[in-house]
PDB file of all heavy atoms in Angstrom:
ATOM      1  N   SER A   1      11.125 -98.564 -45.947  1.00  0.00           N
ATOM      2  CA  SER A   1      10.694 -98.463 -47.336  1.00  0.00           C
ATOM      3  C   SER A   1      11.114 -99.734 -48.070  1.00  0.00           C
ATOM      4  O   SER A   1      12.303-100.080 -48.086  1.00  0.00           O
ATOM      5  CB  SER A   1      11.331 -97.238 -47.999  1.00  0.00           C
ATOM      6  OG  SER A   1      10.968 -97.161 -49.362  1.00  0.00           O
ATOM      7  N   VAL A   2      10.135-100.447 -48.648  1.00  0.00           N
ATOM      8  CA  VAL A   2      10.434-101.716 -49.322  1.00  0.00           C
ATOM      9  C   VAL A   2       9.779-101.712 -50.703  1.00  0.00           C
ATOM     10  O   VAL A   2       8.828-100.966 -50.975  1.00  0.00           O
ATOM     11  CB  VAL A   2       9.922-102.926 -48.508  1.00  0.00           C
ATOM     12  CG1 VAL A   2      10.547-102.953 -47.123  1.00  0.00           C
ATOM     13  CG2 VAL A   2       8.400-102.932 -48.421  1.00  0.00           C
ATOM     14  N   THR A   3      10.315-102.574 -51.563  1.00  0.00           N
ATOM     15  CA  THR A   3       9.787-102.735 -52.917  1.00  0.00           C
ATOM     16  C   THR A   3       9.739-104.223 -53.223  1.00  0.00           C
ATOM     17  O   THR A   3      10.622-104.983 -52.808  1.00  0.00           O
ATOM     18  CB  THR A   3      10.677-102.032 -53.950  1.00  0.00           C
ATOM     19  OG1 THR A   3      10.859-100.662 -53.578  1.00  0.00           O
ATOM     20  CG2 THR A   3      10.069-102.098 -55.344  1.00  0.00           C
ATOM     21  N   GLY A   4       8.706-104.655 -53.942  1.00  0.00           N
ATOM     22  CA  GLY A   4       8.627-106.068 -54.279  1.00  0.00           C
ATOM     23  C   GLY A   4       7.735-106.316 -55.474  1.00  0.00           C
ATOM     24  O   GLY A   4       7.060-105.409 -55.975  1.00  0.00           O
ATOM     25  N   ILE A   5       7.746-107.560 -55.937  1.00  0.00           N
ATOM     26  CA  ILE A   5       6.787-107.998 -56.945  1.00  0.00           C
ATOM     27  C   ILE A   5       6.060-109.216 -56.388  1.00  0.00           C
ATOM     28  O   ILE A   5       6.638-110.037 -55.688  1.00  0.00           O
ATOM     29  CB  ILE A   5       7.453-108.314 -58.304  1.00  0.00           C
ATOM     30  CG1 ILE A   5       8.525-109.393 -58.176  1.00  0.00           C
ATOM     31  CG2 ILE A   5       8.028-107.072 -58.921  1.00  0.00           C
ATOM     32  CD1 ILE A   5       9.132-109.798 -59.512  1.00  0.00           C
ATOM     33  N   CYS A   6       4.777-109.298 -56.706  1.00  0.00           N
ATOM     34  CA  CYS A   6       3.936-110.364 -56.178  1.00  0.00           C
ATOM     35  C   CYS A   6       3.048-110.878 -57.297  1.00  0.00           C
ATOM     36  O   CYS A   6       2.370-110.082 -57.974  1.00  0.00           O
ATOM     37  CB  CYS A   6       3.082-109.839 -55.026  1.00  0.00           C
ATOM     38  SG  CYS A   6       1.934-111.053 -54.315  1.00  0.00           S
ATOM     39  N   GLU A   7       3.033-112.184 -57.493  1.00  0.00           N
ATOM     40  CA  GLU A   7       2.174-112.752 -58.523  1.00  0.00           C
ATOM     41  C   GLU A   7       0.715-112.642 -58.100  1.00  0.00           C
ATOM     42  O   GLU A   7       0.369-112.904 -56.944  1.00  0.00           O
ATOM     43  CB  GLU A   7       2.515-114.216 -58.777  1.00  0.00           C
ATOM     44  CG  GLU A   7       1.777-114.773 -59.989  1.00  0.00           C
ATOM     45  CD  GLU A   7       2.027-116.246 -60.224  1.00  0.00           C
ATOM     46  OE1 GLU A   7       1.632-117.055 -59.369  1.00  0.00           O
ATOM     47  OE2 GLU A   7       2.617-116.570 -61.263  1.00  0.00           O
ATOM     48  N   VAL A   8      -0.131-112.271 -59.048  1.00  0.00           N
ATOM     49  CA  VAL A   8      -1.568-112.150 -58.772  1.00  0.00           C
ATOM     50  C   VAL A   8      -2.392-113.050 -59.700  1.00  0.00           C
ATOM     51  O   VAL A   8      -3.606-112.887 -59.793  1.00  0.00           O
ATOM     52  CB  VAL A   8      -2.032-110.682 -58.897  1.00  0.00           C
ATOM     53  CG1 VAL A   8      -1.473-109.847 -57.754  1.00  0.00           C
ATOM     54  CG2 VAL A   8      -1.641-110.084 -60.250  1.00  0.00           C
ATOM     55  N   LEU A   9      -1.727-113.996 -60.347  1.00  0.00           N
ATOM     56  CA  LEU A   9      -2.435-114.902 -61.250  1.00  0.00           C
ATOM     57  C   LEU A   9      -3.552-115.640 -60.526  1.00  0.00           C
ATOM     58  O   LEU A   9      -4.640-115.843 -61.062  1.00  0.00           O
ATOM     59  CB  LEU A   9      -1.441-115.900 -61.853  1.00  0.00           C
ATOM     60  CG  LEU A   9      -1.998-116.944 -62.819  1.00  0.00           C
ATOM     61  CD1 LEU A   9      -2.593-116.271 -64.047  1.00  0.00           C
ATOM     62  CD2 LEU A   9      -0.907-117.936 -63.219  1.00  0.00           C
ATOM     63  N   HIS A  10      -3.292-116.056 -59.265  1.00  0.00           N
ATOM     64  CA  HIS A  10      -4.266-116.819 -58.488  1.00  0.00           C
ATOM     65  C   HIS A  10      -4.888-115.984 -57.371  1.00  0.00           C
ATOM     66  O   HIS A  10      -5.484-116.539 -56.450  1.00  0.00           O
ATOM     67  CB  HIS A  10      -3.599-118.052 -57.887  1.00  0.00           C
ATOM     68  CG  HIS A  10      -2.853-118.886 -58.885  1.00  0.00           C
ATOM     69  ND1 HIS A  10      -3.492-119.657 -59.822  1.00  0.00           N
ATOM     70  CD2 HIS A  10      -1.523-119.045 -59.100  1.00  0.00           C
ATOM     71  CE1 HIS A  10      -2.598-120.275 -60.573  1.00  0.00           C
ATOM     72  NE2 HIS A  10      -1.401-119.918 -60.156  1.00  0.00           N
ATOM     73  N   ALA A  11      -4.748-114.677 -57.435  1.00  0.00           N
ATOM     74  CA  ALA A  11      -5.182-113.820 -56.322  1.00  0.00           C
ATOM     75  C   ALA A  11      -6.692-113.864 -56.135  1.00  0.00           C
ATOM     76  O   ALA A  11      -7.459-113.753 -57.085  1.00  0.00           O
ATOM     77  CB  ALA A  11      -4.734-112.386 -56.572  1.00  0.00           C
ATOM     78  N   ASP A  12      -7.105-114.036 -54.876  1.00  0.00           N
ATOM     79  CA  ASP A  12      -8.524-113.949 -54.548  1.00  0.00           C
ATOM     80  C   ASP A  12      -8.835-112.540 -54.038  1.00  0.00           C
ATOM     81  O   ASP A  12      -7.964-111.667 -53.967  1.00  0.00           O
ATOM     82  CB  ASP A  12      -8.921-115.017 -53.534  1.00  0.00           C
ATOM     83  CG  ASP A  12      -8.124-114.936 -52.232  1.00  0.00           C
ATOM     84  OD1 ASP A  12      -7.497-113.880 -51.960  1.00  0.00           O
ATOM     85  OD2 ASP A  12      -8.132-115.928 -51.471  1.00  0.00           O
ATOM     86  N   GLU A  13     -10.102-112.315 -53.689  1.00  0.00           N
ATOM     87  CA  GLU A  13     -10.524-110.988 -53.256  1.00  0.00           C
ATOM     88  C   GLU A  13      -9.780-110.539 -51.998  1.00  0.00           C
ATOM     89  O   GLU A  13      -9.437-109.363 -51.848  1.00  0.00           O
ATOM     90  CB  GLU A  13     -12.037-110.986 -53.003  1.00  0.00           C
ATOM     91  CG  GLU A  13     -12.877-111.246 -54.249  1.00  0.00           C
ATOM     92  CD  GLU A  13     -12.757-110.124 -55.260  1.00  0.00           C
ATOM     93  OE1 GLU A  13     -13.048-108.967 -54.896  1.00  0.00           O
ATOM     94  OE2 GLU A  13     -12.345-110.400 -56.403  1.00  0.00           O
ATOM     95  N   ASP A  14      -9.539-111.470 -51.094  1.00  0.00           N
ATOM     96  CA  ASP A  14      -8.842-111.117 -49.852  1.00  0.00           C
ATOM     97  C   ASP A  14      -7.427-110.627 -50.131  1.00  0.00           C
ATOM     98  O   ASP A  14      -6.974-109.644 -49.538  1.00  0.00           O
ATOM     99  CB  ASP A  14      -8.795-112.325 -48.914  1.00  0.00           C
ATOM    100  CG  ASP A  14     -10.143-112.643 -48.298  1.00  0.00           C
ATOM    101  OD1 ASP A  14     -11.034-111.777 -48.336  1.00  0.00           O
ATOM    102  OD2 ASP A  14     -10.314-113.769 -47.783  1.00  0.00           O
ATOM    103  N   LEU A  15      -6.715-111.304 -51.019  1.00  0.00           N
ATOM    104  CA  LEU A  15      -5.341-110.880 -51.321  1.00  0.00           C
ATOM    105  C   LEU A  15      -5.324-109.506 -51.983  1.00  0.00           C
ATOM    106  O   LEU A  15      -4.497-108.652 -51.631  1.00  0.00           O
ATOM    107  CB  LEU A  15      -4.646-111.901 -52.213  1.00  0.00           C
ATOM    108  CG  LEU A  15      -3.231-111.501 -52.685  1.00  0.00           C
ATOM    109  CD1 LEU A  15      -2.297-111.287 -51.494  1.00  0.00           C
ATOM    110  CD2 LEU A  15      -2.653-112.535 -53.644  1.00  0.00           C
ATOM    111  N   LEU A  16      -6.226-109.273 -52.918  1.00  0.00           N
ATOM    112  CA  LEU A  16      -6.232-107.979 -53.597  1.00  0.00           C
ATOM    113  C   LEU A  16      -6.498-106.850 -52.604  1.00  0.00           C
ATOM    114  O   LEU A  16      -5.850-105.798 -52.653  1.00  0.00           O
ATOM    115  CB  LEU A  16      -7.282-107.978 -54.705  1.00  0.00           C
ATOM    116  CG  LEU A  16      -7.076-109.003 -55.826  1.00  0.00           C
ATOM    117  CD1 LEU A  16      -8.132-108.820 -56.903  1.00  0.00           C
ATOM    118  CD2 LEU A  16      -5.681-108.900 -56.419  1.00  0.00           C
ATOM    119  N   GLY A  17      -7.432-107.071 -51.677  1.00  0.00           N
ATOM    120  CA  GLY A  17      -7.693-106.072 -50.647  1.00  0.00           C
ATOM    121  C   GLY A  17      -6.496-105.872 -49.740  1.00  0.00           C
ATOM    122  O   GLY A  17      -6.154-104.738 -49.378  1.00  0.00           O
ATOM    123  N   TYR A  18      -5.845-106.973 -49.381  1.00  0.00           N
ATOM    124  CA  TYR A  18      -4.660-106.912 -48.527  1.00  0.00           C
ATOM    125  C   TYR A  18      -3.559-106.088 -49.184  1.00  0.00           C
ATOM    126  O   TYR A  18      -2.933-105.232 -48.544  1.00  0.00           O
ATOM    127  CB  TYR A  18      -4.186-108.333 -48.242  1.00  0.00           C
ATOM    128  CG  TYR A  18      -2.957-108.437 -47.370  1.00  0.00           C
ATOM    129  CD1 TYR A  18      -3.083-108.555 -45.990  1.00  0.00           C
ATOM    130  CD2 TYR A  18      -1.684-108.430 -47.920  1.00  0.00           C
ATOM    131  CE1 TYR A  18      -1.954-108.657 -45.177  1.00  0.00           C
ATOM    132  CE2 TYR A  18      -0.553-108.529 -47.117  1.00  0.00           C
ATOM    133  CZ  TYR A  18      -0.697-108.644 -45.749  1.00  0.00           C
ATOM    134  OH  TYR A  18       0.418-108.729 -44.954  1.00  0.00           O
ATOM    135  N   LEU A  19      -3.295-106.346 -50.453  1.00  0.00           N
ATOM    136  CA  LEU A  19      -2.231-105.633 -51.154  1.00  0.00           C
ATOM    137  C   LEU A  19      -2.509-104.136 -51.205  1.00  0.00           C
ATOM    138  O   LEU A  19      -1.620-103.317 -50.935  1.00  0.00           O
ATOM    139  CB  LEU A  19      -2.076-106.180 -52.576  1.00  0.00           C
ATOM    140  CG  LEU A  19      -1.616-107.636 -52.719  1.00  0.00           C
ATOM    141  CD1 LEU A  19      -1.553-108.025 -54.189  1.00  0.00           C
ATOM    142  CD2 LEU A  19      -0.274-107.867 -52.044  1.00  0.00           C
ATOM    143  N   CYS A  20      -3.729-103.788 -51.543  1.00  0.00           N
ATOM    144  CA  CYS A  20      -4.060-102.371 -51.702  1.00  0.00           C
ATOM    145  C   CYS A  20      -4.141-101.639 -50.370  1.00  0.00           C
ATOM    146  O   CYS A  20      -3.920-100.421 -50.313  1.00  0.00           O
ATOM    147  CB  CYS A  20      -5.359-102.226 -52.484  1.00  0.00           C
ATOM    148  SG  CYS A  20      -5.230-102.758 -54.216  1.00  0.00           S
ATOM    149  N   ASP A  21      -4.454-102.339 -49.298  1.00  0.00           N
ATOM    150  CA  ASP A  21      -4.480-101.719 -47.970  1.00  0.00           C
ATOM    151  C   ASP A  21      -3.081-101.390 -47.463  1.00  0.00           C
ATOM    152  O   ASP A  21      -2.897-100.414 -46.736  1.00  0.00           O
ATOM    153  CB  ASP A  21      -5.156-102.657 -46.962  1.00  0.00           C
ATOM    154  CG  ASP A  21      -6.666-102.679 -47.108  1.00  0.00           C
ATOM    155  OD1 ASP A  21      -7.208-101.782 -47.784  1.00  0.00           O
ATOM    156  OD2 ASP A  21      -7.290-103.615 -46.558  1.00  0.00           O
ATOM    157  N   ARG A  22      -2.096-102.196 -47.850  1.00  0.00           N
ATOM    158  CA  ARG A  22      -0.768-102.102 -47.237  1.00  0.00           C
ATOM    159  C   ARG A  22       0.324-101.559 -48.145  1.00  0.00           C
ATOM    160  O   ARG A  22       1.394-101.184 -47.666  1.00  0.00           O
ATOM    161  CB  ARG A  22      -0.349-103.484 -46.713  1.00  0.00           C
ATOM    162  CG  ARG A  22      -1.167-103.909 -45.498  1.00  0.00           C
ATOM    163  CD  ARG A  22      -1.088-105.392 -45.258  1.00  0.00           C
ATOM    164  NE  ARG A  22      -1.812-105.772 -44.045  1.00  0.00           N
ATOM    165  CZ  ARG A  22      -3.136-105.898 -43.980  1.00  0.00           C
ATOM    166  NH1 ARG A  22      -3.872-105.692 -45.057  1.00  0.00           N
ATOM    167  NH2 ARG A  22      -3.714-106.236 -42.842  1.00  0.00           N
ATOM    168  N   PHE A  23       0.084-101.531 -49.444  1.00  0.00           N
ATOM    169  CA  PHE A  23       1.111-101.096 -50.386  1.00  0.00           C
ATOM    170  C   PHE A  23       0.513-100.162 -51.435  1.00  0.00           C
ATOM    171  O   PHE A  23      -0.700-100.157 -51.664  1.00  0.00           O
ATOM    172  CB  PHE A  23       1.719-102.300 -51.125  1.00  0.00           C
ATOM    173  CG  PHE A  23       2.371-103.321 -50.245  1.00  0.00           C
ATOM    174  CD1 PHE A  23       1.668-104.445 -49.819  1.00  0.00           C
ATOM    175  CD2 PHE A  23       3.696-103.177 -49.835  1.00  0.00           C
ATOM    176  CE1 PHE A  23       2.267-105.411 -49.019  1.00  0.00           C
ATOM    177  CE2 PHE A  23       4.306-104.126 -49.035  1.00  0.00           C
ATOM    178  CZ  PHE A  23       3.591-105.245 -48.618  1.00  0.00           C
ATOM    179  N   ALA A  24       1.391 -99.413 -52.068  1.00  0.00           N
ATOM    180  CA  ALA A  24       1.042 -98.767 -53.323  1.00  0.00           C
ATOM    181  C   ALA A  24       1.265 -99.808 -54.414  1.00  0.00           C
ATOM    182  O   ALA A  24       2.358-100.370 -54.534  1.00  0.00           O
ATOM    183  CB  ALA A  24       1.923 -97.546 -53.566  1.00  0.00           C
ATOM    184  N   VAL A  25       0.228-100.100 -55.191  1.00  0.00           N
ATOM    185  CA  VAL A  25       0.244-101.208 -56.143  1.00  0.00           C
ATOM    186  C   VAL A  25       0.288-100.665 -57.563  1.00  0.00           C
ATOM    187  O   VAL A  25      -0.423 -99.706 -57.899  1.00  0.00           O
ATOM    188  CB  VAL A  25      -1.005-102.099 -55.967  1.00  0.00           C
ATOM    189  CG1 VAL A  25      -0.982-103.259 -56.960  1.00  0.00           C
ATOM    190  CG2 VAL A  25      -1.083-102.624 -54.538  1.00  0.00           C
ATOM    191  N   ALA A  26       1.116-101.300 -58.405  1.00  0.00           N
ATOM    192  CA  ALA A  26       1.174-100.916 -59.816  1.00  0.00           C
ATOM    193  C   ALA A  26       1.118-102.163 -60.684  1.00  0.00           C
ATOM    194  O   ALA A  26       1.806-103.153 -60.417  1.00  0.00           O
ATOM    195  CB  ALA A  26       2.452-100.131 -60.114  1.00  0.00           C
ATOM    196  N   LEU A  27       0.273-102.121 -61.699  1.00  0.00           N
ATOM    197  CA  LEU A  27       0.271-103.151 -62.727  1.00  0.00           C
ATOM    198  C   LEU A  27       1.449-102.934 -63.654  1.00  0.00           C
ATOM    199  O   LEU A  27       2.028-101.841 -63.711  1.00  0.00           O
ATOM    200  CB  LEU A  27      -1.030-103.089 -63.528  1.00  0.00           C
ATOM    201  CG  LEU A  27      -2.319-103.394 -62.770  1.00  0.00           C
ATOM    202  CD1 LEU A  27      -3.532-102.947 -63.583  1.00  0.00           C
ATOM    203  CD2 LEU A  27      -2.420-104.880 -62.458  1.00  0.00           C
ATOM    204  N   GLN A  28       1.798-103.989 -64.402  1.00  0.00           N
ATOM    205  CA  GLN A  28       2.907-103.889 -65.347  1.00  0.00           C
ATOM    206  C   GLN A  28       2.409-104.201 -66.759  1.00  0.00           C
ATOM    207  O   GLN A  28       1.850-105.265 -67.002  1.00  0.00           O
ATOM    208  CB  GLN A  28       4.013-104.875 -64.994  1.00  0.00           C
ATOM    209  CG  GLN A  28       4.653-104.624 -63.645  1.00  0.00           C
ATOM    210  CD  GLN A  28       5.837-105.535 -63.438  1.00  0.00           C
ATOM    211  OE1 GLN A  28       6.954-105.218 -63.806  1.00  0.00           O
ATOM    212  NE2 GLN A  28       5.573-106.694 -62.861  1.00  0.00           N
ATOM    213  N   TYR A  29       2.605-103.232 -67.644  1.00  0.00           N
ATOM    214  CA  TYR A  29       2.287-103.410 -69.053  1.00  0.00           C
ATOM    215  C   TYR A  29       3.580-103.265 -69.853  1.00  0.00           C
ATOM    216  O   TYR A  29       4.116-102.160 -69.962  1.00  0.00           O
ATOM    217  CB  TYR A  29       1.281-102.374 -69.529  1.00  0.00           C
ATOM    218  CG  TYR A  29      -0.119-102.574 -69.023  1.00  0.00           C
ATOM    219  CD1 TYR A  29      -0.512-102.024 -67.809  1.00  0.00           C
ATOM    220  CD2 TYR A  29      -1.052-103.309 -69.753  1.00  0.00           C
ATOM    221  CE1 TYR A  29      -1.805-102.195 -67.339  1.00  0.00           C
ATOM    222  CE2 TYR A  29      -2.351-103.483 -69.284  1.00  0.00           C
ATOM    223  CZ  TYR A  29      -2.712-102.921 -68.078  1.00  0.00           C
ATOM    224  OH  TYR A  29      -3.993-103.096 -67.606  1.00  0.00           O
ATOM    225  N   ALA A  30       4.076-104.399 -70.373  1.00  0.00           N
ATOM    226  CA  ALA A  30       5.294-104.379 -71.189  1.00  0.00           C
ATOM    227  C   ALA A  30       6.408-103.611 -70.488  1.00  0.00           C
ATOM    228  O   ALA A  30       7.136-102.819 -71.098  1.00  0.00           O
ATOM    229  CB  ALA A  30       5.001-103.771 -72.554  1.00  0.00           C
ATOM    230  N   GLY A  31       6.549-103.839 -69.173  1.00  0.00           N
ATOM    231  CA  GLY A  31       7.640-103.231 -68.415  1.00  0.00           C
ATOM    232  C   GLY A  31       7.352-101.848 -67.884  1.00  0.00           C
ATOM    233  O   GLY A  31       8.196-101.258 -67.207  1.00  0.00           O
ATOM    234  N   THR A  32       6.182-101.304 -68.165  1.00  0.00           N
ATOM    235  CA  THR A  32       5.809 -99.982 -67.666  1.00  0.00           C
ATOM    236  C   THR A  32       4.829-100.123 -66.513  1.00  0.00           C
ATOM    237  O   THR A  32       3.839-100.854 -66.615  1.00  0.00           O
ATOM    238  CB  THR A  32       5.151 -99.149 -68.784  1.00  0.00           C
ATOM    239  OG1 THR A  32       6.061 -99.024 -69.869  1.00  0.00           O
ATOM    240  CG2 THR A  32       4.780 -97.770 -68.278  1.00  0.00           C
ATOM    241  N   GLU A  33       5.085 -99.433 -65.417  1.00  0.00           N
ATOM    242  CA  GLU A  33       4.215 -99.505 -64.248  1.00  0.00           C
ATOM    243  C   GLU A  33       3.035 -98.546 -64.376  1.00  0.00           C
ATOM    244  O   GLU A  33       3.206 -97.399 -64.795  1.00  0.00           O
ATOM    245  CB  GLU A  33       4.997 -99.174 -62.975  1.00  0.00           C
ATOM    246  CG  GLU A  33       6.024-100.213 -62.592  1.00  0.00           C
ATOM    247  CD  GLU A  33       6.717 -99.868 -61.278  1.00  0.00           C
ATOM    248  OE1 GLU A  33       6.098 -99.201 -60.433  1.00  0.00           O
ATOM    249  OE2 GLU A  33       7.889-100.263 -61.114  1.00  0.00           O
ATOM    250  N   ARG A  34       1.851 -99.038 -64.002  1.00  0.00           N
ATOM    251  CA  ARG A  34       0.650 -98.204 -63.969  1.00  0.00           C
ATOM    252  C   ARG A  34       0.000 -98.344 -62.595  1.00  0.00           C
ATOM    253  O   ARG A  34      -0.592 -99.376 -62.282  1.00  0.00           O
ATOM    254  CB  ARG A  34      -0.341 -98.636 -65.052  1.00  0.00           C
ATOM    255  CG  ARG A  34       0.183 -98.492 -66.463  1.00  0.00           C
ATOM    256  CD  ARG A  34      -0.889 -98.810 -67.490  1.00  0.00           C
ATOM    257  NE  ARG A  34      -0.362 -98.853 -68.839  1.00  0.00           N
ATOM    258  CZ  ARG A  34      -1.068 -99.151 -69.916  1.00  0.00           C
ATOM    259  NH1 ARG A  34      -2.371 -99.433 -69.794  1.00  0.00           N
ATOM    260  NH2 ARG A  34      -0.510 -99.184 -71.115  1.00  0.00           N
ATOM    261  N   PRO A  35       0.127 -97.313 -61.753  1.00  0.00           N
ATOM    262  CA  PRO A  35      -0.478 -97.378 -60.415  1.00  0.00           C
ATOM    263  C   PRO A  35      -1.985 -97.585 -60.504  1.00  0.00           C
ATOM    264  O   PRO A  35      -2.651 -97.031 -61.382  1.00  0.00           O
ATOM    265  CB  PRO A  35      -0.136 -96.013 -59.812  1.00  0.00           C
ATOM    266  CG  PRO A  35       1.060 -95.541 -60.589  1.00  0.00           C
ATOM    267  CD  PRO A  35       0.868 -96.064 -61.974  1.00  0.00           C
ATOM    268  N   VAL A  36      -2.510 -98.396 -59.576  1.00  0.00           N
ATOM    269  CA  VAL A  36      -3.948 -98.673 -59.558  1.00  0.00           C
ATOM    270  C   VAL A  36      -4.448 -98.666 -58.121  1.00  0.00           C
ATOM    271  O   VAL A  36      -3.698 -98.932 -57.180  1.00  0.00           O
ATOM    272  CB  VAL A  36      -4.281-100.053 -60.189  1.00  0.00           C
ATOM    273  CG1 VAL A  36      -4.093-100.024 -61.691  1.00  0.00           C
ATOM    274  CG2 VAL A  36      -3.454-101.164 -59.556  1.00  0.00           C
ATOM    275  N   ASP A  37      -5.748 -98.359 -57.978  1.00  0.00           N
ATOM    276  CA  ASP A  37      -6.396 -98.534 -56.688  1.00  0.00           C
ATOM    277  C   ASP A  37      -7.078 -99.905 -56.691  1.00  0.00           C
ATOM    278  O   ASP A  37      -7.010-100.645 -57.682  1.00  0.00           O
ATOM    279  CB  ASP A  37      -7.382 -97.400 -56.398  1.00  0.00           C
ATOM    280  CG  ASP A  37      -8.474 -97.263 -57.455  1.00  0.00           C
ATOM    281  OD1 ASP A  37      -8.728 -98.246 -58.203  1.00  0.00           O
ATOM    282  OD2 ASP A  37      -9.075 -96.178 -57.535  1.00  0.00           O
ATOM    283  N   GLU A  38      -7.761-100.237 -55.594  1.00  0.00           N
ATOM    284  CA  GLU A  38      -8.327-101.578 -55.484  1.00  0.00           C
ATOM    285  C   GLU A  38      -9.386-101.879 -56.549  1.00  0.00           C
ATOM    286  O   GLU A  38      -9.324-102.944 -57.184  1.00  0.00           O
ATOM    287  CB  GLU A  38      -8.898-101.785 -54.082  1.00  0.00           C
ATOM    288  CG  GLU A  38      -9.373-103.212 -53.847  1.00  0.00           C
ATOM    289  CD  GLU A  38      -9.813-103.441 -52.410  1.00  0.00           C
ATOM    290  OE1 GLU A  38      -9.435-102.645 -51.529  1.00  0.00           O
ATOM    291  OE2 GLU A  38     -10.544-104.437 -52.172  1.00  0.00           O
ATOM    292  N   PRO A  39     -10.359-100.993 -56.807  1.00  0.00           N
ATOM    293  CA  PRO A  39     -11.339-101.307 -57.858  1.00  0.00           C
ATOM    294  C   PRO A  39     -10.693-101.492 -59.232  1.00  0.00           C
ATOM    295  O   PRO A  39     -11.087-102.378 -59.996  1.00  0.00           O
ATOM    296  CB  PRO A  39     -12.273-100.089 -57.837  1.00  0.00           C
ATOM    297  CG  PRO A  39     -12.158 -99.537 -56.456  1.00  0.00           C
ATOM    298  CD  PRO A  39     -10.720 -99.752 -56.083  1.00  0.00           C
ATOM    299  N   GLN A  40      -9.710-100.661 -59.553  1.00  0.00           N
ATOM    300  CA  GLN A  40      -9.031-100.793 -60.844  1.00  0.00           C
ATOM    301  C   GLN A  40      -8.279-102.115 -60.935  1.00  0.00           C
ATOM    302  O   GLN A  40      -8.280-102.772 -61.980  1.00  0.00           O
ATOM    303  CB  GLN A  40      -8.063 -99.628 -61.038  1.00  0.00           C
ATOM    304  CG  GLN A  40      -8.743 -98.289 -61.245  1.00  0.00           C
ATOM    305  CD  GLN A  40      -7.765 -97.129 -61.183  1.00  0.00           C
ATOM    306  OE1 GLN A  40      -6.759 -97.168 -60.471  1.00  0.00           O
ATOM    307  NE2 GLN A  40      -8.061 -96.071 -61.925  1.00  0.00           N
ATOM    308  N   LEU A  41      -7.645-102.512 -59.842  1.00  0.00           N
ATOM    309  CA  LEU A  41      -6.918-103.768 -59.827  1.00  0.00           C
ATOM    310  C   LEU A  41      -7.872-104.943 -60.030  1.00  0.00           C
ATOM    311  O   LEU A  41      -7.610-105.841 -60.848  1.00  0.00           O
ATOM    312  CB  LEU A  41      -6.160-103.920 -58.503  1.00  0.00           C
ATOM    313  CG  LEU A  41      -5.368-105.216 -58.306  1.00  0.00           C
ATOM    314  CD1 LEU A  41      -4.298-105.385 -59.379  1.00  0.00           C
ATOM    315  CD2 LEU A  41      -4.738-105.253 -56.907  1.00  0.00           C
TER     316      LEU A  41
END
């Protein structure tokens, strides 16, 4: 079980797919996490 943060400022389509395939992904709004799926991301 691991936890991390990853910058997505320069993320291309391949990276976004990679992240969502392998991790549970959450966006951050003012310090609050909001889980998202690949289309939402």
